[in-house]
PDB file of N, CA and C in Angstrom:
ATOM      1  N   UNK A   1     -21.460  -0.324  15.071  1.00  0.00           N
ATOM      2  CA  UNK A   1     -20.701  -0.680  13.900  1.00  0.00           C
ATOM      3  C   UNK A   1     -20.402   0.559  13.043  1.00  0.00           C
ATOM      4  N   UNK A   2     -21.279   1.513  12.961  1.00  0.00           N
ATOM      5  CA  UNK A   2     -21.012   2.707  12.276  1.00  0.00           C
ATOM      6  C   UNK A   2     -19.863   3.521  12.725  1.00  0.00           C
ATOM      7  N   UNK A   3     -19.719   3.596  14.033  1.00  0.00           N
ATOM      8  CA  UNK A   3     -18.536   4.350  14.565  1.00  0.00           C
ATOM      9  C   UNK A   3     -17.204   3.667  14.177  1.00  0.00           C
ATOM     10  N   UNK A   4     -17.203   2.377  14.245  1.00  0.00           N
ATOM     11  CA  UNK A   4     -15.980   1.670  13.861  1.00  0.00           C
ATOM     12  C   UNK A   4     -15.648   1.928  12.366  1.00  0.00           C
ATOM     13  N   UNK A   5     -16.588   1.892  11.504  1.00  0.00           N
ATOM     14  CA  UNK A   5     -16.389   2.153  10.022  1.00  0.00           C
ATOM     15  C   UNK A   5     -15.855   3.586   9.928  1.00  0.00           C
ATOM     16  N   UNK A   6     -16.351   4.531  10.620  1.00  0.00           N
ATOM     17  CA  UNK A   6     -15.893   5.922  10.461  1.00  0.00           C
ATOM     18  C   UNK A   6     -14.405   6.000  10.964  1.00  0.00           C
ATOM     19  N   UNK A   7     -14.183   5.369  12.109  1.00  0.00           N
ATOM     20  CA  UNK A   7     -12.775   5.424  12.584  1.00  0.00           C
ATOM     21  C   UNK A   7     -11.777   4.751  11.636  1.00  0.00           C
ATOM     22  N   UNK A   8     -12.150   3.713  11.190  1.00  0.00           N
ATOM     23  CA  UNK A   8     -11.277   2.942  10.136  1.00  0.00           C
ATOM     24  C   UNK A   8     -11.088   3.811   8.897  1.00  0.00           C
ATOM     25  N   UNK A   9     -12.241   4.422   8.383  1.00  0.00           N
ATOM     26  CA  UNK A   9     -12.088   5.200   7.279  1.00  0.00           C
ATOM     27  C   UNK A   9     -11.120   6.438   7.422  1.00  0.00           C
ATOM     28  N   UNK A  10     -11.260   7.075   8.649  1.00  0.00           N
ATOM     29  CA  UNK A  10     -10.440   8.156   8.963  1.00  0.00           C
ATOM     30  C   UNK A  10      -8.906   7.758   8.970  1.00  0.00           C
ATOM     31  N   UNK A  11      -8.710   6.621   9.705  1.00  0.00           N
ATOM     32  CA  UNK A  11      -7.349   6.173   9.867  1.00  0.00           C
ATOM     33  C   UNK A  11      -6.690   5.823   8.478  1.00  0.00           C
ATOM     34  N   UNK A  12      -7.473   5.093   7.653  1.00  0.00           N
ATOM     35  CA  UNK A  12      -6.986   4.788   6.320  1.00  0.00           C
ATOM     36  C   UNK A  12      -6.703   6.088   5.496  1.00  0.00           C
ATOM     37  N   UNK A  13      -7.647   7.024   5.652  1.00  0.00           N
ATOM     38  CA  UNK A  13      -7.390   8.260   4.849  1.00  0.00           C
ATOM     39  C   UNK A  13      -6.195   9.043   5.353  1.00  0.00           C
ATOM     40  N   UNK A  14      -5.981   9.105   6.642  1.00  0.00           N
ATOM     41  CA  UNK A  14      -4.732   9.767   7.166  1.00  0.00           C
ATOM     42  C   UNK A  14      -3.501   9.057   6.729  1.00  0.00           C
ATOM     43  N   UNK A  15      -3.510   7.699   6.734  1.00  0.00           N
ATOM     44  CA  UNK A  15      -2.368   6.973   6.349  1.00  0.00           C
ATOM     45  C   UNK A  15      -2.072   7.209   4.848  1.00  0.00           C
ATOM     46  N   UNK A  16      -3.168   7.185   4.092  1.00  0.00           N
ATOM     47  CA  UNK A  16      -2.972   7.470   2.657  1.00  0.00           C
ATOM     48  C   UNK A  16      -2.422   8.785   2.371  1.00  0.00           C
ATOM     49  N   UNK A  17      -2.864   9.774   3.100  1.00  0.00           N
ATOM     50  CA  UNK A  17      -2.361  11.214   2.953  1.00  0.00           C
ATOM     51  C   UNK A  17      -0.918  11.326   3.321  1.00  0.00           C
ATOM     52  N   UNK A  18      -0.539  10.686   4.415  1.00  0.00           N
ATOM     53  CA  UNK A  18       0.861  10.693   4.787  1.00  0.00           C
ATOM     54  C   UNK A  18       1.731   9.960   3.773  1.00  0.00           C
ATOM     55  N   UNK A  19       1.286   8.907   3.227  1.00  0.00           N
ATOM     56  CA  UNK A  19       1.983   8.145   2.232  1.00  0.00           C
ATOM     57  C   UNK A  19       2.139   8.972   0.927  1.00  0.00           C
ATOM     58  N   UNK A  20       1.053   9.560   0.594  1.00  0.00           N
ATOM     59  CA  UNK A  20       1.140  10.469  -0.669  1.00  0.00           C
ATOM     60  C   UNK A  20       2.134  11.615  -0.517  1.00  0.00           C
ATOM     61  N   UNK A  21       2.173  12.143   0.720  1.00  0.00           N
ATOM     62  CA  UNK A  21       3.177  13.205   1.013  1.00  0.00           C
ATOM     63  C   UNK A  21       4.548  12.607   0.872  1.00  0.00           C
ATOM     64  N   UNK A  22       4.786  11.405   1.383  1.00  0.00           N
ATOM     65  CA  UNK A  22       6.115  10.861   1.356  1.00  0.00           C
ATOM     66  C   UNK A  22       6.525  10.557  -0.154  1.00  0.00           C
ATOM     67  N   UNK A  23       5.548  10.204  -0.943  1.00  0.00           N
ATOM     68  CA  UNK A  23       5.833   9.919  -2.345  1.00  0.00           C
ATOM     69  C   UNK A  23       6.211  11.349  -3.069  1.00  0.00           C
ATOM     70  N   UNK A  24       5.536  12.393  -2.707  1.00  0.00           N
ATOM     71  CA  UNK A  24       5.777  13.632  -3.345  1.00  0.00           C
ATOM     72  C   UNK A  24       7.128  14.233  -2.767  1.00  0.00           C
ATOM     73  N   UNK A  25       7.398  14.057  -1.543  1.00  0.00           N
ATOM     74  CA  UNK A  25       8.481  14.829  -0.940  1.00  0.00           C
ATOM     75  C   UNK A  25       9.649  13.940  -0.411  1.00  0.00           C
ATOM     76  N   UNK A  26       9.614  12.656  -0.811  1.00  0.00           N
ATOM     77  CA  UNK A  26      10.614  11.718  -0.366  1.00  0.00           C
ATOM     78  C   UNK A  26      11.967  12.165  -0.795  1.00  0.00           C
ATOM     79  N   UNK A  27      12.993  12.025   0.177  1.00  0.00           N
ATOM     80  CA  UNK A  27      14.259  12.536  -0.202  1.00  0.00           C
ATOM     81  C   UNK A  27      15.060  11.584  -1.225  1.00  0.00           C
ATOM     82  N   UNK A  28      14.645  10.318  -1.261  1.00  0.00           N
ATOM     83  CA  UNK A  28      15.334   9.491  -2.343  1.00  0.00           C
ATOM     84  C   UNK A  28      14.276   8.675  -3.017  1.00  0.00           C
ATOM     85  N   UNK A  29      14.720   8.028  -4.072  1.00  0.00           N
ATOM     86  CA  UNK A  29      13.904   7.137  -4.925  1.00  0.00           C
ATOM     87  C   UNK A  29      13.360   5.954  -4.080  1.00  0.00           C
ATOM     88  N   UNK A  30      14.231   5.399  -3.222  1.00  0.00           N
ATOM     89  CA  UNK A  30      13.850   4.286  -2.445  1.00  0.00           C
ATOM     90  C   UNK A  30      12.674   4.545  -1.431  1.00  0.00           C
ATOM     91  N   UNK A  31      12.808   5.840  -0.874  1.00  0.00           N
ATOM     92  CA  UNK A  31      11.610   6.225   0.016  1.00  0.00           C
ATOM     93  C   UNK A  31      10.353   6.269  -0.794  1.00  0.00           C
ATOM     94  N   UNK A  32      10.463   6.818  -2.025  1.00  0.00           N
ATOM     95  CA  UNK A  32       9.254   6.956  -2.839  1.00  0.00           C
ATOM     96  C   UNK A  32       8.696   5.481  -3.213  1.00  0.00           C
ATOM     97  N   UNK A  33       9.557   4.639  -3.491  1.00  0.00           N
ATOM     98  CA  UNK A  33       9.153   3.300  -3.885  1.00  0.00           C
ATOM     99  C   UNK A  33       8.465   2.560  -2.688  1.00  0.00           C
ATOM    100  N   UNK A  34       9.081   2.670  -1.529  1.00  0.00           N
ATOM    101  CA  UNK A  34       8.560   2.083  -0.385  1.00  0.00           C
ATOM    102  C   UNK A  34       7.232   2.653  -0.012  1.00  0.00           C
ATOM    103  N   UNK A  35       7.074   3.982  -0.161  1.00  0.00           N
ATOM    104  CA  UNK A  35       5.690   4.721   0.065  1.00  0.00           C
ATOM    105  C   UNK A  35       4.735   4.252  -0.949  1.00  0.00           C
ATOM    106  N   UNK A  36       5.110   3.998  -2.167  1.00  0.00           N
ATOM    107  CA  UNK A  36       4.104   3.439  -3.098  1.00  0.00           C
ATOM    108  C   UNK A  36       3.650   2.085  -2.726  1.00  0.00           C
ATOM    109  N   UNK A  37       4.562   1.287  -2.191  1.00  0.00           N
ATOM    110  CA  UNK A  37       4.164  -0.153  -1.707  1.00  0.00           C
ATOM    111  C   UNK A  37       3.243   0.011  -0.537  1.00  0.00           C
ATOM    112  N   UNK A  38       3.560   0.932   0.421  1.00  0.00           N
ATOM    113  CA  UNK A  38       2.639   1.126   1.515  1.00  0.00           C
ATOM    114  C   UNK A  38       1.298   1.653   1.055  1.00  0.00           C
ATOM    115  N   UNK A  39       1.302   2.490   0.042  1.00  0.00           N
ATOM    116  CA  UNK A  39      -0.028   2.978  -0.441  1.00  0.00           C
ATOM    117  C   UNK A  39      -0.828   1.816  -1.011  1.00  0.00           C
ATOM    118  N   UNK A  40      -0.211   0.793  -1.726  1.00  0.00           N
ATOM    119  CA  UNK A  40      -0.854  -0.340  -2.222  1.00  0.00           C
ATOM    120  C   UNK A  40      -1.343  -1.249  -1.083  1.00  0.00           C
ATOM    121  N   UNK A  41      -0.677  -1.281   0.052  1.00  0.00           N
ATOM    122  CA  UNK A  41      -1.145  -1.950   1.224  1.00  0.00           C
ATOM    123  C   UNK A  41      -2.388  -1.222   1.829  1.00  0.00           C
ATOM    124  N   UNK A  42      -2.388   0.031   1.862  1.00  0.00           N
ATOM    125  CA  UNK A  42      -3.493   0.753   2.360  1.00  0.00           C
ATOM    126  C   UNK A  42      -4.736   0.520   1.467  1.00  0.00           C
ATOM    127  N   UNK A  43      -4.523   0.567   0.120  1.00  0.00           N
ATOM    128  CA  UNK A  43      -5.699   0.218  -0.685  1.00  0.00           C
ATOM    129  C   UNK A  43      -6.216  -1.149  -0.466  1.00  0.00           C
ATOM    130  N   UNK A  44      -5.309  -2.107  -0.248  1.00  0.00           N
ATOM    131  CA  UNK A  44      -5.668  -3.452   0.031  1.00  0.00           C
ATOM    132  C   UNK A  44      -6.427  -3.556   1.312  1.00  0.00           C
ATOM    133  N   UNK A  45      -6.031  -2.821   2.375  1.00  0.00           N
ATOM    134  CA  UNK A  45      -6.768  -2.793   3.643  1.00  0.00           C
ATOM    135  C   UNK A  45      -8.099  -2.164   3.477  1.00  0.00           C
ATOM    136  N   UNK A  46      -8.248  -1.125   2.634  1.00  0.00           N
ATOM    137  CA  UNK A  46      -9.532  -0.533   2.388  1.00  0.00           C
ATOM    138  C   UNK A  46     -10.420  -1.429   1.584  1.00  0.00           C
ATOM    139  N   UNK A  47      -9.910  -2.177   0.654  1.00  0.00           N
ATOM    140  CA  UNK A  47     -10.734  -3.196  -0.004  1.00  0.00           C
ATOM    141  C   UNK A  47     -11.269  -4.259   0.897  1.00  0.00           C
ATOM    142  N   UNK A  48     -10.379  -4.788   1.802  1.00  0.00           N
ATOM    143  CA  UNK A  48     -10.650  -5.826   2.706  1.00  0.00           C
ATOM    144  C   UNK A  48     -11.738  -5.328   3.756  1.00  0.00           C
ATOM    145  N   UNK A  49     -11.577  -4.101   4.128  1.00  0.00           N
ATOM    146  CA  UNK A  49     -12.576  -3.486   5.068  1.00  0.00           C
ATOM    147  C   UNK A  49     -13.873  -3.331   4.419  1.00  0.00           C
ATOM    148  N   UNK A  50     -13.910  -2.895   3.163  1.00  0.00           N
ATOM    149  CA  UNK A  50     -15.215  -2.810   2.431  1.00  0.00           C
ATOM    150  C   UNK A  50     -15.900  -4.105   2.269  1.00  0.00           C
ATOM    151  N   UNK A  51     -15.105  -5.130   1.979  1.00  0.00           N
ATOM    152  CA  UNK A  51     -15.660  -6.532   1.810  1.00  0.00           C
ATOM    153  C   UNK A  51     -16.203  -6.977   3.149  1.00  0.00           C
ATOM    154  N   UNK A  52     -15.550  -6.691   4.218  1.00  0.00           N
ATOM    155  CA  UNK A  52     -15.975  -7.134   5.571  1.00  0.00           C
ATOM    156  C   UNK A  52     -17.282  -6.403   5.984  1.00  0.00           C
ATOM    157  N   UNK A  53     -17.342  -5.185   5.704  1.00  0.00           N
ATOM    158  CA  UNK A  53     -18.491  -4.357   6.079  1.00  0.00           C
ATOM    159  C   UNK A  53     -19.757  -4.761   5.279  1.00  0.00           C
ATOM    160  N   UNK A  54     -19.601  -4.923   3.981  1.00  0.00           N
ATOM    161  CA  UNK A  54     -20.723  -5.366   3.122  1.00  0.00           C
ATOM    162  C   UNK A  54     -20.917  -6.827   3.030  1.00  0.00           C
ATOM    163  N   UNK A  55     -20.094  -7.625   3.646  1.00  0.00           N
ATOM    164  CA  UNK A  55     -20.177  -9.093   3.648  1.00  0.00           C
ATOM    165  C   UNK A  55     -20.280  -9.747   2.256  1.00  0.00           C
ATOM    166  N   UNK A  56     -19.261  -9.405   1.468  1.00  0.00           N
ATOM    167  CA  UNK A  56     -19.222 -10.042   0.193  1.00  0.00           C
ATOM    168  C   UNK A  56     -17.764 -10.245  -0.198  1.00  0.00           C
ATOM    169  N   UNK A  57     -17.475 -11.045  -1.275  1.00  0.00           N
ATOM    170  CA  UNK A  57     -16.112 -11.318  -1.714  1.00  0.00           C
ATOM    171  C   UNK A  57     -15.904 -10.891  -3.216  1.00  0.00           C
ATOM    172  N   UNK A  58     -16.689  -9.891  -3.618  1.00  0.00           N
ATOM    173  CA  UNK A  58     -16.563  -9.438  -5.047  1.00  0.00           C
ATOM    174  C   UNK A  58     -15.184  -8.941  -5.419  1.00  0.00           C
ATOM    175  N   UNK A  59     -14.528  -8.248  -4.448  1.00  0.00           N
ATOM    176  CA  UNK A  59     -13.264  -7.642  -4.791  1.00  0.00           C
ATOM    177  C   UNK A  59     -11.965  -8.469  -4.394  1.00  0.00           C
ATOM    178  N   UNK A  60     -12.239  -9.775  -4.087  1.00  0.00           N
ATOM    179  CA  UNK A  60     -11.157 -10.618  -3.671  1.00  0.00           C
ATOM    180  C   UNK A  60     -10.037 -10.764  -4.724  1.00  0.00           C
ATOM    181  N   UNK A  61     -10.452 -10.922  -5.963  1.00  0.00           N
ATOM    182  CA  UNK A  61      -9.458 -11.087  -7.078  1.00  0.00           C
ATOM    183  C   UNK A  61      -8.636  -9.739  -7.147  1.00  0.00           C
ATOM    184  N   UNK A  62      -9.316  -8.656  -7.064  1.00  0.00           N
ATOM    185  CA  UNK A  62      -8.500  -7.376  -7.129  1.00  0.00           C
ATOM    186  C   UNK A  62      -7.579  -7.247  -5.907  1.00  0.00           C
ATOM    187  N   UNK A  63      -7.974  -7.697  -4.757  1.00  0.00           N
ATOM    188  CA  UNK A  63      -7.171  -7.665  -3.540  1.00  0.00           C
ATOM    189  C   UNK A  63      -5.897  -8.596  -3.716  1.00  0.00           C
ATOM    190  N   UNK A  64      -6.117  -9.711  -4.292  1.00  0.00           N
ATOM    191  CA  UNK A  64      -5.000 -10.620  -4.561  1.00  0.00           C
ATOM    192  C   UNK A  64      -4.033 -10.065  -5.615  1.00  0.00           C
ATOM    193  N   UNK A  65      -4.578  -9.422  -6.597  1.00  0.00           N
ATOM    194  CA  UNK A  65      -3.737  -8.847  -7.694  1.00  0.00           C
ATOM    195  C   UNK A  65      -2.865  -7.630  -7.065  1.00  0.00           C
ATOM    196  N   UNK A  66      -3.461  -6.778  -6.277  1.00  0.00           N
ATOM    197  CA  UNK A  66      -2.785  -5.674  -5.636  1.00  0.00           C
ATOM    198  C   UNK A  66      -1.715  -6.208  -4.733  1.00  0.00           C
ATOM    199  N   UNK A  67      -1.928  -7.294  -4.004  1.00  0.00           N
ATOM    200  CA  UNK A  67      -0.923  -7.892  -3.104  1.00  0.00           C
ATOM    201  C   UNK A  67       0.208  -8.450  -3.937  1.00  0.00           C
ATOM    202  N   UNK A  68      -0.032  -9.098  -5.023  1.00  0.00           N
ATOM    203  CA  UNK A  68       1.030  -9.671  -5.778  1.00  0.00           C
ATOM    204  C   UNK A  68       1.868  -8.598  -6.444  1.00  0.00           C
ATOM    205  N   UNK A  69       1.177  -7.577  -6.991  1.00  0.00           N
ATOM    206  CA  UNK A  69       1.904  -6.470  -7.581  1.00  0.00           C
ATOM    207  C   UNK A  69       2.845  -5.796  -6.566  1.00  0.00           C
ATOM    208  N   UNK A  70       2.273  -5.559  -5.406  1.00  0.00           N
ATOM    209  CA  UNK A  70       3.092  -4.935  -4.311  1.00  0.00           C
ATOM    210  C   UNK A  70       4.333  -5.734  -3.925  1.00  0.00           C
ATOM    211  N   UNK A  71       4.094  -7.116  -3.816  1.00  0.00           N
ATOM    212  CA  UNK A  71       5.201  -7.883  -3.477  1.00  0.00           C
ATOM    213  C   UNK A  71       6.250  -7.996  -4.528  1.00  0.00           C
ATOM    214  N   UNK A  72       5.893  -8.133  -5.750  1.00  0.00           N
ATOM    215  CA  UNK A  72       6.813  -8.141  -6.903  1.00  0.00           C
ATOM    216  C   UNK A  72       7.546  -6.909  -7.064  1.00  0.00           C
ATOM    217  N   UNK A  73       6.849  -5.795  -6.894  1.00  0.00           N
ATOM    218  CA  UNK A  73       7.497  -4.450  -6.925  1.00  0.00           C
ATOM    219  C   UNK A  73       8.560  -4.268  -5.839  1.00  0.00           C
ATOM    220  N   UNK A  74       8.176  -4.731  -4.607  1.00  0.00           N
ATOM    221  CA  UNK A  74       9.156  -4.483  -3.511  1.00  0.00           C
ATOM    222  C   UNK A  74      10.399  -5.423  -3.694  1.00  0.00           C
ATOM    223  N   UNK A  75      10.228  -6.635  -4.180  1.00  0.00           N
ATOM    224  CA  UNK A  75      11.370  -7.562  -4.423  1.00  0.00           C
ATOM    225  C   UNK A  75      12.188  -7.010  -5.522  1.00  0.00           C
ATOM    226  N   UNK A  76      11.617  -6.491  -6.572  1.00  0.00           N
ATOM    227  CA  UNK A  76      12.364  -5.985  -7.671  1.00  0.00           C
ATOM    228  C   UNK A  76      13.218  -4.776  -7.237  1.00  0.00           C
ATOM    229  N   UNK A  77      12.662  -3.854  -6.498  1.00  0.00           N
ATOM    230  CA  UNK A  77      13.438  -2.641  -6.098  1.00  0.00           C
ATOM    231  C   UNK A  77      14.481  -3.175  -5.092  1.00  0.00           C
ATOM    232  N   UNK A  78      14.211  -4.040  -4.174  1.00  0.00           N
ATOM    233  CA  UNK A  78      15.185  -4.500  -3.214  1.00  0.00           C
ATOM    234  C   UNK A  78      16.373  -5.213  -3.928  1.00  0.00           C
ATOM    235  N   UNK A  79      16.079  -5.961  -4.975  1.00  0.00           N
ATOM    236  CA  UNK A  79      17.202  -6.527  -5.725  1.00  0.00           C
ATOM    237  C   UNK A  79      18.003  -5.509  -6.528  1.00  0.00           C
ATOM    238  N   UNK A  80      17.285  -4.556  -7.031  1.00  0.00           N
ATOM    239  CA  UNK A  80      17.943  -3.489  -7.806  1.00  0.00           C
ATOM    240  C   UNK A  80      18.906  -2.683  -6.844  1.00  0.00           C
ATOM    241  N   UNK A  81      18.426  -2.308  -5.704  1.00  0.00           N
ATOM    242  CA  UNK A  81      19.178  -1.536  -4.770  1.00  0.00           C
ATOM    243  C   UNK A  81      20.359  -2.384  -4.274  1.00  0.00           C
ATOM    244  N   UNK A  82      20.204  -3.676  -4.022  1.00  0.00           N
ATOM    245  CA  UNK A  82      21.289  -4.467  -3.515  1.00  0.00           C
ATOM    246  C   UNK A  82      22.299  -4.645  -4.623  1.00  0.00           C
ATOM    247  N   UNK A  83      21.864  -4.748  -5.820  1.00  0.00           N
ATOM    248  CA  UNK A  83      22.809  -4.966  -7.013  1.00  0.00           C
ATOM    249  C   UNK A  83      23.575  -3.630  -7.158  1.00  0.00           C
ATOM    250  N   UNK A  84      22.982  -2.470  -7.005  1.00  0.00           N
ATOM    251  CA  UNK A  84      23.674  -1.150  -7.170  1.00  0.00           C
ATOM    252  C   UNK A  84      24.711  -0.962  -6.065  1.00  0.00           C
ATOM    253  N   UNK A  85      24.415  -1.455  -4.890  1.00  0.00           N
ATOM    254  CA  UNK A  85      25.376  -1.325  -3.740  1.00  0.00           C
ATOM    255  C   UNK A  85      26.563  -2.224  -3.987  1.00  0.00           C
ATOM    256  N   UNK A  86      26.362  -3.356  -4.603  1.00  0.00           N
ATOM    257  CA  UNK A  86      27.453  -4.247  -4.821  1.00  0.00           C
ATOM    258  C   UNK A  86      28.381  -3.753  -5.884  1.00  0.00           C
ATOM    259  N   UNK A  87      27.810  -3.056  -6.912  1.00  0.00           N
ATOM    260  CA  UNK A  87      28.695  -2.442  -7.955  1.00  0.00           C
ATOM    261  C   UNK A  87      29.377  -1.208  -7.509  1.00  0.00           C
ATOM    262  N   UNK A  88      28.799  -0.423  -6.666  1.00  0.00           N
ATOM    263  CA  UNK A  88      29.356   0.903  -6.247  1.00  0.00           C
ATOM    264  C   UNK A  88      30.370   0.732  -5.124  1.00  0.00           C
TER     265      UNK A  88
END
């Protein structure tokens, strides 16, 4: 089980590093917003992994809040971009 935890931690860290790079160097605002949403999903995966490893549900409310914030943010940006394309 220890090897699996290390592999998951490394993969989540690499994904987070790539996402942070995309936020910093993204060519457009939409790329940066999508990367921020992906970073929220990575944090959610890290929280879920930690809860599974330690066999508790202490962070479940935080996981739900992160998921809702990510969903609302994505929908808001998608509507904003669709509205701008209709106007332009």
